[in-house]
Amino acid sequence: VAVLQRGVRPLAAWTSLAVVLHVKAGKEEQAL
């Protein structure tokens, strides 16, 4: 979606999502 929208804001939003999911997965893995 970010690539199709061809803008900096969608790529920034995707980058934020990637960071949040990386941190969340790390916390979940620690608990497991």
ModelCIF file with pLDDT and N, C-alpha, C, O atoms, coordinates in Angstrom:
data_MODEL
#
_entry.id   MODEL 
#
_entity.id                         1 
_entity.type                       polymer 
_entity.pdbx_number_of_molecules   1 
#
_entity_poly.entity_id                      1 
_entity_poly.type                           'polypeptide(L)' 
_entity_poly.nstd_linkage                   no 
_entity_poly.nstd_monomer                   no 
_entity_poly.pdbx_seq_one_letter_code       VAVLQRGVRPLAAWTSLAVVLHVKAGKEEQAL 
_entity_poly.pdbx_seq_one_letter_code_can   VAVLQRGVRPLAAWTSLAVVLHVKAGKEEQAL 
_entity_poly.pdbx_strand_id                 A 
#
loop_
_entity_poly_seq.entity_id 
_entity_poly_seq.num 
_entity_poly_seq.mon_id 
_entity_poly_seq.hetero 
1 1  VAL n 
1 2  ALA n 
1 3  VAL n 
1 4  LEU n 
1 5  GLN n 
1 6  ARG n 
1 7  GLY n 
1 8  VAL n 
1 9  ARG n 
1 10 PRO n 
1 11 LEU n 
1 12 ALA n 
1 13 ALA n 
1 14 TRP n 
1 15 THR n 
1 16 SER n 
1 17 LEU n 
1 18 ALA n 
1 19 VAL n 
1 20 VAL n 
1 21 LEU n 
1 22 HIS n 
1 23 VAL n 
1 24 LYS n 
1 25 ALA n 
1 26 GLY n 
1 27 LYS n 
1 28 GLU n 
1 29 GLU n 
1 30 GLN n 
1 31 ALA n 
1 32 LEU n 
#
_struct_asym.id          A 
_struct_asym.entity_id   1 
#
loop_
_ma_qa_metric.id 
_ma_qa_metric.mode 
_ma_qa_metric.name 
_ma_qa_metric.software_group_id 
_ma_qa_metric.type 
1 global pLDDT . pLDDT 
2 local  pLDDT . pLDDT 
#
_ma_qa_metric_global.metric_id      1 
_ma_qa_metric_global.metric_value   95.75 
_ma_qa_metric_global.model_id       1 
_ma_qa_metric_global.ordinal_id     1 
#
loop_
_ma_qa_metric_local.label_asym_id 
_ma_qa_metric_local.label_comp_id 
_ma_qa_metric_local.label_seq_id 
_ma_qa_metric_local.metric_id 
_ma_qa_metric_local.metric_value 
_ma_qa_metric_local.model_id 
_ma_qa_metric_local.ordinal_id 
A VAL 1  2 95.00 1 1  
A ALA 2  2 94.00 1 2  
A VAL 3  2 94.00 1 3  
A LEU 4  2 95.00 1 4  
A GLN 5  2 95.00 1 5  
A ARG 6  2 92.00 1 6  
A GLY 7  2 92.00 1 7  
A VAL 8  2 95.00 1 8  
A ARG 9  2 96.00 1 9  
A PRO 10 2 95.00 1 10 
A LEU 11 2 95.00 1 11 
A ALA 12 2 96.00 1 12 
A ALA 13 2 96.00 1 13 
A TRP 14 2 96.00 1 14 
A THR 15 2 97.00 1 15 
A SER 16 2 97.00 1 16 
A LEU 17 2 96.00 1 17 
A ALA 18 2 96.00 1 18 
A VAL 19 2 97.00 1 19 
A VAL 20 2 97.00 1 20 
A LEU 21 2 96.00 1 21 
A HIS 22 2 95.00 1 22 
A VAL 23 2 97.00 1 23 
A LYS 24 2 97.00 1 24 
A ALA 25 2 96.00 1 25 
A GLY 26 2 95.00 1 26 
A LYS 27 2 97.00 1 27 
A GLU 28 2 97.00 1 28 
A GLU 29 2 96.00 1 29 
A GLN 30 2 97.00 1 30 
A ALA 31 2 98.00 1 31 
A LEU 32 2 97.00 1 32 
#
loop_
_atom_site.group_PDB 
_atom_site.id 
_atom_site.type_symbol 
_atom_site.label_atom_id 
_atom_site.label_alt_id 
_atom_site.label_comp_id 
_atom_site.label_asym_id 
_atom_site.label_entity_id 
_atom_site.label_seq_id 
_atom_site.pdbx_PDB_ins_code 
_atom_site.Cartn_x 
_atom_site.Cartn_y 
_atom_site.Cartn_z 
_atom_site.occupancy 
_atom_site.B_iso_or_equiv 
_atom_site.pdbx_formal_charge 
_atom_site.auth_seq_id 
_atom_site.auth_comp_id 
_atom_site.auth_asym_id 
_atom_site.auth_atom_id 
_atom_site.pdbx_PDB_model_num 
ATOM 1   N N  . VAL A 1 1  ? 0.843  -1.201  0.000  1.00 95.00 ? 1  VAL A N  1 
ATOM 2   C CA . VAL A 1 1  ? 0.000  0.000   0.000  1.00 95.00 ? 1  VAL A CA 1 
ATOM 3   C C  . VAL A 1 1  ? 0.877  1.250   0.000  1.00 95.00 ? 1  VAL A C  1 
ATOM 4   O O  . VAL A 1 1  ? 0.606  2.198   -0.737 1.00 95.00 ? 1  VAL A O  1 
ATOM 5   N N  . ALA A 1 2  ? 1.931  1.258   0.825  1.00 94.00 ? 2  ALA A N  1 
ATOM 6   C CA . ALA A 1 2  ? 2.816  2.424   0.899  1.00 94.00 ? 2  ALA A CA 1 
ATOM 7   C C  . ALA A 1 2  ? 3.488  2.703   -0.445 1.00 94.00 ? 2  ALA A C  1 
ATOM 8   O O  . ALA A 1 2  ? 3.610  3.856   -0.859 1.00 94.00 ? 2  ALA A O  1 
ATOM 9   N N  . VAL A 1 3  ? 3.920  1.645   -1.116 1.00 94.00 ? 3  VAL A N  1 
ATOM 10  C CA . VAL A 1 3  ? 4.580  1.825   -2.418 1.00 94.00 ? 3  VAL A CA 1 
ATOM 11  C C  . VAL A 1 3  ? 3.574  2.334   -3.452 1.00 94.00 ? 3  VAL A C  1 
ATOM 12  O O  . VAL A 1 3  ? 3.897  3.214   -4.250 1.00 94.00 ? 3  VAL A O  1 
ATOM 13  N N  . LEU A 1 4  ? 2.378  1.791   -3.442 1.00 95.00 ? 4  LEU A N  1 
ATOM 14  C CA . LEU A 1 4  ? 1.363  2.237   -4.405 1.00 95.00 ? 4  LEU A CA 1 
ATOM 15  C C  . LEU A 1 4  ? 0.958  3.688   -4.183 1.00 95.00 ? 4  LEU A C  1 
ATOM 16  O O  . LEU A 1 4  ? 0.584  4.374   -5.134 1.00 95.00 ? 4  LEU A O  1 
ATOM 17  N N  . GLN A 1 5  ? 1.025  4.163   -2.954 1.00 95.00 ? 5  GLN A N  1 
ATOM 18  C CA . GLN A 1 5  ? 0.655  5.551   -2.670 1.00 95.00 ? 5  GLN A CA 1 
ATOM 19  C C  . GLN A 1 5  ? 1.767  6.530   -3.014 1.00 95.00 ? 5  GLN A C  1 
ATOM 20  O O  . GLN A 1 5  ? 1.534  7.737   -3.082 1.00 95.00 ? 5  GLN A O  1 
ATOM 21  N N  . ARG A 1 6  ? 2.962  6.022   -3.229 1.00 92.00 ? 6  ARG A N  1 
ATOM 22  C CA . ARG A 1 6  ? 4.092  6.832   -3.708 1.00 92.00 ? 6  ARG A CA 1 
ATOM 23  C C  . ARG A 1 6  ? 4.300  8.127   -2.934 1.00 92.00 ? 6  ARG A C  1 
ATOM 24  O O  . ARG A 1 6  ? 4.319  9.217   -3.506 1.00 92.00 ? 6  ARG A O  1 
ATOM 25  N N  . GLY A 1 7  ? 4.455  7.984   -1.635 1.00 92.00 ? 7  GLY A N  1 
ATOM 26  C CA . GLY A 1 7  ? 4.697  9.180   -0.834 1.00 92.00 ? 7  GLY A CA 1 
ATOM 27  C C  . GLY A 1 7  ? 5.590  8.872   0.350  1.00 92.00 ? 7  GLY A C  1 
ATOM 28  O O  . GLY A 1 7  ? 5.806  7.714   0.709  1.00 92.00 ? 7  GLY A O  1 
ATOM 29  N N  . VAL A 1 8  ? 6.096  9.919   0.938  1.00 95.00 ? 8  VAL A N  1 
ATOM 30  C CA . VAL A 1 8  ? 6.967  9.768   2.099  1.00 95.00 ? 8  VAL A CA 1 
ATOM 31  C C  . VAL A 1 8  ? 6.144  9.377   3.333  1.00 95.00 ? 8  VAL A C  1 
ATOM 32  O O  . VAL A 1 8  ? 6.578  8.545   4.130  1.00 95.00 ? 8  VAL A O  1 
ATOM 33  N N  . ARG A 1 9  ? 4.977  9.965   3.486  1.00 96.00 ? 9  ARG A N  1 
ATOM 34  C CA . ARG A 1 9  ? 4.154  9.682   4.668  1.00 96.00 ? 9  ARG A CA 1 
ATOM 35  C C  . ARG A 1 9  ? 3.756  8.209   4.764  1.00 96.00 ? 9  ARG A C  1 
ATOM 36  O O  . ARG A 1 9  ? 3.875  7.631   5.845  1.00 96.00 ? 9  ARG A O  1 
ATOM 37  N N  . PRO A 1 10 ? 3.289  7.578   3.688  1.00 95.00 ? 10 PRO A N  1 
ATOM 38  C CA . PRO A 1 10 ? 2.962  6.148   3.798  1.00 95.00 ? 10 PRO A CA 1 
ATOM 39  C C  . PRO A 1 10 ? 4.185  5.294   4.142  1.00 95.00 ? 10 PRO A C  1 
ATOM 40  O O  . PRO A 1 10 ? 4.070  4.330   4.899  1.00 95.00 ? 10 PRO A O  1 
ATOM 41  N N  . LEU A 1 11 ? 5.343  5.635   3.598  1.00 95.00 ? 11 LEU A N  1 
ATOM 42  C CA . LEU A 1 11 ? 6.558  4.879   3.927  1.00 95.00 ? 11 LEU A CA 1 
ATOM 43  C C  . LEU A 1 11 ? 6.977  5.112   5.377  1.00 95.00 ? 11 LEU A C  1 
ATOM 44  O O  . LEU A 1 11 ? 7.471  4.198   6.038  1.00 95.00 ? 11 LEU A O  1 
ATOM 45  N N  . ALA A 1 12 ? 6.782  6.322   5.866  1.00 96.00 ? 12 ALA A N  1 
ATOM 46  C CA . ALA A 1 12 ? 7.080  6.612   7.269  1.00 96.00 ? 12 ALA A CA 1 
ATOM 47  C C  . ALA A 1 12 ? 6.123  5.842   8.181  1.00 96.00 ? 12 ALA A C  1 
ATOM 48  O O  . ALA A 1 12 ? 6.532  5.314   9.215  1.00 96.00 ? 12 ALA A O  1 
ATOM 49  N N  . ALA A 1 13 ? 4.859  5.783   7.793  1.00 96.00 ? 13 ALA A N  1 
ATOM 50  C CA . ALA A 1 13 ? 3.882  5.025   8.583  1.00 96.00 ? 13 ALA A CA 1 
ATOM 51  C C  . ALA A 1 13 ? 4.234  3.540   8.580  1.00 96.00 ? 13 ALA A C  1 
ATOM 52  O O  . ALA A 1 13 ? 4.127  2.873   9.609  1.00 96.00 ? 13 ALA A O  1 
ATOM 53  N N  . TRP A 1 14 ? 4.649  3.026   7.436  1.00 96.00 ? 14 TRP A N  1 
ATOM 54  C CA . TRP A 1 14 ? 5.039  1.611   7.356  1.00 96.00 ? 14 TRP A CA 1 
ATOM 55  C C  . TRP A 1 14 ? 6.272  1.349   8.227  1.00 96.00 ? 14 TRP A C  1 
ATOM 56  O O  . TRP A 1 14 ? 6.346  0.325   8.905  1.00 96.00 ? 14 TRP A O  1 
ATOM 57  N N  . THR A 1 15 ? 7.220  2.257   8.207  1.00 97.00 ? 15 THR A N  1 
ATOM 58  C CA . THR A 1 15 ? 8.413  2.107   9.031  1.00 97.00 ? 15 THR A CA 1 
ATOM 59  C C  . THR A 1 15 ? 8.038  2.083   10.508 1.00 97.00 ? 15 THR A C  1 
ATOM 60  O O  . THR A 1 15 ? 8.579  1.288   11.277 1.00 97.00 ? 15 THR A O  1 
ATOM 61  N N  . SER A 1 16 ? 7.118  2.948   10.902 1.00 97.00 ? 16 SER A N  1 
ATOM 62  C CA . SER A 1 16 ? 6.642  2.959   12.290 1.00 97.00 ? 16 SER A CA 1 
ATOM 63  C C  . SER A 1 16 ? 5.977  1.634   12.646 1.00 97.00 ? 16 SER A C  1 
ATOM 64  O O  . SER A 1 16 ? 6.204  1.090   13.726 1.00 97.00 ? 16 SER A O  1 
ATOM 65  N N  . LEU A 1 17 ? 5.164  1.123   11.743 1.00 96.00 ? 17 LEU A N  1 
ATOM 66  C CA . LEU A 1 17 ? 4.525  -0.172  11.966 1.00 96.00 ? 17 LEU A CA 1 
ATOM 67  C C  . LEU A 1 17 ? 5.569  -1.266  12.135 1.00 96.00 ? 17 LEU A C  1 
ATOM 68  O O  . LEU A 1 17 ? 5.446  -2.107  13.025 1.00 96.00 ? 17 LEU A O  1 
ATOM 69  N N  . ALA A 1 18 ? 6.589  -1.261  11.296 1.00 96.00 ? 18 ALA A N  1 
ATOM 70  C CA . ALA A 1 18 ? 7.646  -2.276  11.378 1.00 96.00 ? 18 ALA A CA 1 
ATOM 71  C C  . ALA A 1 18 ? 8.358  -2.216  12.728 1.00 96.00 ? 18 ALA A C  1 
ATOM 72  O O  . ALA A 1 18 ? 8.651  -3.253  13.324 1.00 96.00 ? 18 ALA A O  1 
ATOM 73  N N  . VAL A 1 19 ? 8.635  -1.009  13.208 1.00 97.00 ? 19 VAL A N  1 
ATOM 74  C CA . VAL A 1 19 ? 9.305  -0.860  14.507 1.00 97.00 ? 19 VAL A CA 1 
ATOM 75  C C  . VAL A 1 19 ? 8.411  -1.369  15.637 1.00 97.00 ? 19 VAL A C  1 
ATOM 76  O O  . VAL A 1 19 ? 8.869  -2.105  16.510 1.00 97.00 ? 19 VAL A O  1 
ATOM 77  N N  . VAL A 1 20 ? 7.142  -0.979  15.619 1.00 97.00 ? 20 VAL A N  1 
ATOM 78  C CA . VAL A 1 20 ? 6.204  -1.409  16.662 1.00 97.00 ? 20 VAL A CA 1 
ATOM 79  C C  . VAL A 1 20 ? 6.086  -2.927  16.681 1.00 97.00 ? 20 VAL A C  1 
ATOM 80  O O  . VAL A 1 20 ? 6.128  -3.535  17.751 1.00 97.00 ? 20 VAL A O  1 
ATOM 81  N N  . LEU A 1 21 ? 5.939  -3.546  15.520 1.00 96.00 ? 21 LEU A N  1 
ATOM 82  C CA . LEU A 1 21 ? 5.796  -4.999  15.467 1.00 96.00 ? 21 LEU A CA 1 
ATOM 83  C C  . LEU A 1 21 ? 7.081  -5.709  15.894 1.00 96.00 ? 21 LEU A C  1 
ATOM 84  O O  . LEU A 1 21 ? 7.025  -6.769  16.517 1.00 96.00 ? 21 LEU A O  1 
ATOM 85  N N  . HIS A 1 22 ? 8.239  -5.131  15.563 1.00 95.00 ? 22 HIS A N  1 
ATOM 86  C CA . HIS A 1 22 ? 9.515  -5.716  15.980 1.00 95.00 ? 22 HIS A CA 1 
ATOM 87  C C  . HIS A 1 22 ? 9.626  -5.711  17.509 1.00 95.00 ? 22 HIS A C  1 
ATOM 88  O O  . HIS A 1 22 ? 10.006 -6.715  18.112 1.00 95.00 ? 22 HIS A O  1 
ATOM 89  N N  . VAL A 1 23 ? 9.295  -4.588  18.123 1.00 97.00 ? 23 VAL A N  1 
ATOM 90  C CA . VAL A 1 23 ? 9.358  -4.482  19.587 1.00 97.00 ? 23 VAL A CA 1 
ATOM 91  C C  . VAL A 1 23 ? 8.334  -5.414  20.228 1.00 97.00 ? 23 VAL A C  1 
ATOM 92  O O  . VAL A 1 23 ? 8.639  -6.107  21.199 1.00 97.00 ? 23 VAL A O  1 
ATOM 93  N N  . LYS A 1 24 ? 7.124  -5.428  19.685 1.00 97.00 ? 24 LYS A N  1 
ATOM 94  C CA . LYS A 1 24 ? 6.054  -6.284  20.223 1.00 97.00 ? 24 LYS A CA 1 
ATOM 95  C C  . LYS A 1 24 ? 6.435  -7.757  20.126 1.00 97.00 ? 24 LYS A C  1 
ATOM 96  O O  . LYS A 1 24 ? 6.244  -8.510  21.081 1.00 97.00 ? 24 LYS A O  1 
ATOM 97  N N  . ALA A 1 25 ? 6.966  -8.168  18.990 1.00 96.00 ? 25 ALA A N  1 
ATOM 98  C CA . ALA A 1 25 ? 7.370  -9.564  18.822 1.00 96.00 ? 25 ALA A CA 1 
ATOM 99  C C  . ALA A 1 25 ? 8.486  -9.928  19.801 1.00 96.00 ? 25 ALA A C  1 
ATOM 100 O O  . ALA A 1 25 ? 8.499  -11.032 20.346 1.00 96.00 ? 25 ALA A O  1 
ATOM 101 N N  . GLY A 1 26 ? 9.419  -9.007  20.025 1.00 95.00 ? 26 GLY A N  1 
ATOM 102 C CA . GLY A 1 26 ? 10.490 -9.266  20.985 1.00 95.00 ? 26 GLY A CA 1 
ATOM 103 C C  . GLY A 1 26 ? 9.967  -9.483  22.388 1.00 95.00 ? 26 GLY A C  1 
ATOM 104 O O  . GLY A 1 26 ? 10.428 -10.384 23.091 1.00 95.00 ? 26 GLY A O  1 
ATOM 105 N N  . LYS A 1 27 ? 9.008  -8.667  22.806 1.00 97.00 ? 27 LYS A N  1 
ATOM 106 C CA . LYS A 1 27 ? 8.414  -8.827  24.140 1.00 97.00 ? 27 LYS A CA 1 
ATOM 107 C C  . LYS A 1 27 ? 7.631  -10.132 24.244 1.00 97.00 ? 27 LYS A C  1 
ATOM 108 O O  . LYS A 1 27 ? 7.707  -10.827 25.257 1.00 97.00 ? 27 LYS A O  1 
ATOM 109 N N  . GLU A 1 28 ? 6.884  -10.459 23.201 1.00 97.00 ? 28 GLU A N  1 
ATOM 110 C CA . GLU A 1 28 ? 6.139  -11.716 23.202 1.00 97.00 ? 28 GLU A CA 1 
ATOM 111 C C  . GLU A 1 28 ? 7.085  -12.914 23.266 1.00 97.00 ? 28 GLU A C  1 
ATOM 112 O O  . GLU A 1 28 ? 6.829  -13.880 23.985 1.00 97.00 ? 28 GLU A O  1 
ATOM 113 N N  . GLU A 1 29 ? 8.176  -12.841 22.508 1.00 96.00 ? 29 GLU A N  1 
ATOM 114 C CA . GLU A 1 29 ? 9.131  -13.950 22.503 1.00 96.00 ? 29 GLU A CA 1 
ATOM 115 C C  . GLU A 1 29 ? 9.801  -14.107 23.858 1.00 96.00 ? 29 GLU A C  1 
ATOM 116 O O  . GLU A 1 29 ? 10.067 -15.227 24.292 1.00 96.00 ? 29 GLU A O  1 
ATOM 117 N N  . GLN A 1 30 ? 10.074 -12.998 24.528 1.00 97.00 ? 30 GLN A N  1 
ATOM 118 C CA . GLN A 1 30 ? 10.669 -13.080 25.857 1.00 97.00 ? 30 GLN A CA 1 
ATOM 119 C C  . GLN A 1 30 ? 9.723  -13.782 26.827 1.00 97.00 ? 30 GLN A C  1 
ATOM 120 O O  . GLN A 1 30 ? 10.151 -14.617 27.624 1.00 97.00 ? 30 GLN A O  1 
ATOM 121 N N  . ALA A 1 31 ? 8.445  -13.441 26.758 1.00 98.00 ? 31 ALA A N  1 
ATOM 122 C CA . ALA A 1 31 ? 7.454  -14.083 27.624 1.00 98.00 ? 31 ALA A CA 1 
ATOM 123 C C  . ALA A 1 31 ? 7.348  -15.574 27.311 1.00 98.00 ? 31 ALA A C  1 
ATOM 124 O O  . ALA A 1 31 ? 7.234  -16.396 28.220 1.00 98.00 ? 31 ALA A O  1 
ATOM 125 N N  . LEU A 1 32 ? 7.384  -15.916 26.036 1.00 97.00 ? 32 LEU A N  1 
ATOM 126 C CA . LEU A 1 32 ? 7.321  -17.335 25.658 1.00 97.00 ? 32 LEU A CA 1 
ATOM 127 C C  . LEU A 1 32 ? 8.566  -18.086 26.119 1.00 97.00 ? 32 LEU A C  1 
ATOM 128 O O  . LEU A 1 32 ? 8.683  -19.290 25.887 1.00 97.00 ? 32 LEU A O  1 
#
